[in-house]
């Protein structure tokens, strides 16, 4: 196959990748509505004053050494987030007792976190609340799903817009199959294709330049 044919066919294949990269790259630059898609929620009321005289110490963690204690106020009262060798747990800061988050507490924490979001209008009302061993899943009528850790009270949210942006990210970086090994091969192949198109193009350019010089 001649350099001209090789360059032509490789370029036809590469144009597909270039279209994908250019469109997704433009969206990454403009980021339409991405702040809302990755809205950062927190159950912590950082501006709320804590009355230290109302607080008490922690009950025993069964001898497990504590590595970190965080005190913060929430819609259900002040809590300690205690990290120990056995894991992270929540304690009521007024009683010192282990605090187990039930559906009522989860709903109060999540609704309060959403109410302080700049994009609270996009959430709507709470539709369902489900709890598993470690996480509460709160679905809103507007589509977002807020997940709250039952042992650390850390909140995160995702929805259809978040899933679409993550899909664009995977498309842009050639993560097309979901298999890390295969996607790595695709990424290398895409970069190799750029070089495969560039080299014949340089050869053709040099040849044409020489002909003009003659």
Protein backbone atom coordinates (compact mmCIF):
# COMPACT_ATOMS: atom_id res chain seq x y z
CA UNK A 1 0.00 0.00 0.00
CA UNK A 2 1.33 3.46 -0.91
CA UNK A 3 1.93 6.22 1.59
CA UNK A 4 -1.02 8.15 0.13
CA UNK A 5 -3.49 5.27 0.62
CA UNK A 6 -2.17 4.49 4.08
CA UNK A 7 -2.51 8.11 5.12
CA UNK A 8 -6.00 8.37 3.67
CA UNK A 9 -7.45 5.28 5.37
CA UNK A 10 -5.80 5.93 8.69
CA UNK A 11 -7.11 9.49 8.60
CA UNK A 12 -10.67 8.24 7.97
CA UNK A 13 -10.45 6.09 11.10
CA UNK A 14 -8.85 8.88 13.11
CA UNK A 15 -11.53 11.42 12.17
CA UNK A 16 -14.05 9.44 14.25
CA UNK A 17 -11.84 9.80 17.33
CA UNK A 18 -11.19 13.47 16.59
CA UNK A 19 -14.91 14.20 16.39
CA UNK A 20 -15.49 12.43 19.72
CA UNK A 21 -12.56 14.19 21.38
CA UNK A 22 -13.51 17.62 20.05
CA UNK A 23 -17.18 17.42 21.08
CA UNK A 24 -16.51 16.01 24.55
CA UNK A 25 -13.55 18.36 25.02
CA UNK A 26 -15.77 21.34 24.20
CA UNK A 27 -18.34 20.17 26.75
CA UNK A 28 -15.59 19.76 29.35
CA UNK A 29 -14.56 23.36 28.66
CA UNK A 30 -18.06 24.88 28.76
CA UNK A 31 -19.36 22.61 31.55
CA UNK A 32 -23.06 23.37 31.05
CA UNK A 33 -24.90 22.70 34.32
CA UNK A 34 -22.01 20.74 35.81
CA UNK A 35 -22.00 22.66 39.09
CA UNK A 36 -25.50 21.39 39.75
CA UNK A 37 -24.62 17.85 38.67
CA UNK A 38 -21.79 17.72 41.20
CA UNK A 39 -23.52 19.68 43.96
CA UNK A 40 -21.60 19.25 47.22
CA UNK A 41 -23.86 18.45 50.15
CA UNK A 42 -22.99 18.43 53.83
CA UNK A 43 -25.10 17.72 56.90
CA UNK A 44 -22.73 19.85 58.97
CA UNK A 45 -23.96 23.27 60.00
CA UNK A 46 -20.60 24.99 60.05
CA UNK A 47 -21.98 28.43 60.98
CA UNK A 48 -24.05 27.12 63.87
CA UNK A 49 -22.58 27.93 67.32
CA UNK A 50 -22.02 25.02 69.66
CA UNK A 51 -22.67 25.43 73.38
CA UNK A 52 -19.83 23.49 74.94
CA UNK A 53 -21.46 23.43 78.36
CA UNK A 54 -24.19 21.20 76.91
CA UNK A 55 -21.75 18.60 75.60
CA UNK A 56 -20.40 15.53 77.32
CA UNK A 57 -17.64 12.99 76.83
CA UNK A 58 -17.78 9.80 74.84
CA UNK A 59 -18.79 6.42 76.05
CA UNK A 60 -16.29 3.59 75.71
CA UNK A 61 -15.55 2.22 72.25
CA UNK A 62 -14.80 -1.18 73.66
CA UNK A 63 -11.11 -0.49 74.10
CA UNK A 64 -10.56 0.38 70.42
CA UNK A 65 -7.97 3.22 70.22
CA UNK A 66 -9.41 6.49 68.91
CA UNK A 67 -7.42 8.22 66.16
CA UNK A 68 -9.68 11.20 65.39
CA UNK A 69 -12.72 13.00 66.85
CA UNK A 70 -14.77 15.63 64.98
CA UNK A 71 -17.48 17.71 66.64
CA UNK A 72 -20.14 19.32 64.43
CA UNK A 73 -23.71 20.53 64.64
CA UNK A 74 -26.54 19.05 62.54
CA UNK A 75 -30.31 19.20 62.15
CA UNK A 76 -30.61 16.43 64.75
CA UNK A 77 -28.23 18.06 67.23
CA UNK A 78 -24.46 18.06 67.77
CA UNK A 79 -22.60 14.88 66.89
CA UNK A 80 -19.15 13.42 67.36
CA UNK A 81 -17.66 11.65 64.37
CA UNK A 82 -15.21 9.24 65.96
CA UNK A 83 -12.61 7.35 63.97
CA UNK A 84 -11.09 4.36 65.73
CA UNK A 85 -9.20 1.23 64.78
CA UNK A 86 -12.52 -0.63 64.54
CA UNK A 87 -14.04 1.97 62.16
CA UNK A 88 -15.95 5.24 62.24
CA UNK A 89 -19.04 5.79 64.38
CA UNK A 90 -21.35 8.66 65.33
CA UNK A 91 -22.02 9.69 68.92
CA UNK A 92 -24.57 12.09 70.34
CA UNK A 93 -22.48 14.98 71.68
CA UNK A 94 -24.99 15.75 74.44
CA UNK A 95 -25.30 12.24 75.86
CA UNK A 96 -22.04 10.68 74.75
CA UNK A 97 -23.95 7.65 73.51
CA UNK A 98 -23.63 5.90 70.18
CA UNK A 99 -26.03 7.48 67.69
CA UNK A 100 -27.70 5.10 65.25
CA UNK A 101 -29.30 6.96 62.34
CA UNK A 102 -32.82 5.75 61.60
CA UNK A 103 -35.07 6.81 58.72
CA UNK A 104 -36.37 9.86 60.57
CA UNK A 105 -32.87 11.10 61.39
CA UNK A 106 -31.68 10.43 57.83
CA UNK A 107 -34.58 12.36 56.37
CA UNK A 108 -33.94 15.33 58.69
CA UNK A 109 -30.22 15.42 57.89
CA UNK A 110 -30.62 15.12 54.13
CA UNK A 111 -33.48 17.60 53.85
CA UNK A 112 -31.47 20.11 55.87
CA UNK A 113 -28.38 19.60 53.69
CA UNK A 114 -30.42 20.08 50.51
CA UNK A 115 -32.13 23.18 51.91
CA UNK A 116 -28.72 24.86 52.16
CA UNK A 117 -27.76 23.99 48.59
CA UNK A 118 -27.73 26.65 45.89
CA UNK A 119 -29.54 24.14 43.65
CA UNK A 120 -32.19 23.04 46.13
CA UNK A 121 -34.98 23.83 43.65
CA UNK A 122 -33.79 21.01 41.37
CA UNK A 123 -34.25 18.35 44.05
CA UNK A 124 -37.96 18.55 44.74
CA UNK A 125 -39.51 16.57 47.57
CA UNK A 126 -38.27 13.38 49.21
CA UNK A 127 -39.76 10.41 47.37
CA UNK A 128 -38.24 7.38 49.08
CA UNK A 129 -35.78 6.59 51.86
CA UNK A 130 -34.05 3.20 52.00
CA UNK A 131 -31.36 2.03 54.40
CA UNK A 132 -28.86 -0.79 54.09
CA UNK A 133 -26.09 -1.82 56.47
CA UNK A 134 -23.89 1.23 55.88
CA UNK A 135 -25.70 3.75 53.68
CA UNK A 136 -29.03 5.54 53.41
CA UNK A 137 -30.36 6.23 49.91
CA UNK A 138 -32.75 9.18 49.64
CA UNK A 139 -34.46 9.65 46.28
CA UNK A 140 -35.95 13.05 45.42
CA UNK A 141 -38.83 13.71 43.07
CA UNK A 142 -36.58 15.89 40.90
CA UNK A 143 -34.33 12.92 40.15
CA UNK A 144 -31.23 13.26 42.38
CA UNK A 145 -30.35 10.50 44.80
CA UNK A 146 -28.56 11.51 48.00
CA UNK A 147 -26.48 8.89 49.78
CA UNK A 148 -25.69 9.34 53.46
CA UNK A 149 -23.20 7.24 55.40
CA UNK A 150 -24.88 5.82 58.47
CA UNK A 151 -21.60 5.63 60.38
CA UNK A 152 -20.03 8.95 59.38
CA UNK A 153 -22.93 11.18 58.22
CA UNK A 154 -21.11 12.11 55.01
CA UNK A 155 -23.44 12.97 52.15
CA UNK A 156 -23.09 12.79 48.38
CA UNK A 157 -25.55 13.05 45.53
CA UNK A 158 -25.88 11.91 41.95
CA UNK A 159 -28.53 11.90 39.27
CA UNK A 160 -29.15 11.52 35.57
CA UNK A 161 -27.00 14.56 34.73
CA UNK A 162 -24.11 13.17 36.78
CA UNK A 163 -24.38 9.83 34.99
CA UNK A 164 -24.35 11.56 31.59
CA UNK A 165 -21.23 13.56 32.44
CA UNK A 166 -19.48 10.43 33.71
CA UNK A 167 -20.47 8.72 30.43
CA UNK A 168 -18.94 11.60 28.43
CA UNK A 169 -15.78 11.30 30.51
CA UNK A 170 -15.49 7.59 29.70
CA UNK A 171 -16.11 8.28 26.00
CA UNK A 172 -13.47 11.03 25.89
CA UNK A 173 -10.80 8.86 27.51
CA UNK A 174 -11.70 5.79 25.42
CA UNK A 175 -13.06 3.89 28.41
CA UNK A 176 -15.59 2.25 26.14
CA UNK A 177 -15.86 -1.30 27.45
CA UNK A 178 -15.71 -0.91 31.24
CA UNK A 179 -12.84 -3.42 31.32
CA UNK A 180 -9.74 -1.63 32.54
CA UNK A 181 -7.30 -3.78 30.56
CA UNK A 182 -9.25 -3.48 27.30
CA UNK A 183 -9.80 0.26 27.76
CA UNK A 184 -6.08 0.73 28.33
CA UNK A 185 -5.40 -0.97 25.01
CA UNK A 186 -7.96 1.30 23.32
CA UNK A 187 -6.27 4.39 24.75
CA UNK A 188 -2.85 3.28 23.53
CA UNK A 189 -4.32 2.38 20.14
CA UNK A 190 -5.89 5.82 19.83
CA UNK A 191 -2.60 7.54 20.56
CA UNK A 192 -0.77 5.18 18.21
CA UNK A 193 -3.27 6.01 15.47
CA UNK A 194 -2.38 9.70 15.74
CA UNK A 195 1.26 8.84 15.12
CA UNK A 196 0.30 6.44 12.35
CA UNK A 197 -1.49 9.27 10.54
CA UNK A 198 1.19 11.84 11.29
CA UNK A 199 4.15 9.83 9.97
CA UNK A 200 2.75 9.19 6.46
CA UNK A 201 1.62 12.82 6.39
CA UNK A 202 5.16 13.98 7.16
CA UNK A 203 6.56 11.66 4.50
CA UNK A 204 4.14 13.01 1.89
CA UNK A 205 4.94 16.59 2.93
CA UNK A 206 8.69 16.04 2.57
CA UNK A 207 8.25 14.40 -0.82
CA UNK A 208 6.10 17.25 -2.08
CA UNK A 209 8.56 19.81 -0.74
CA UNK A 210 11.44 18.08 -2.55
CA UNK A 211 9.53 17.99 -5.82
CA UNK A 212 8.88 21.70 -5.65
CA UNK A 213 12.53 22.32 -4.85
CA UNK A 214 13.58 20.40 -7.95
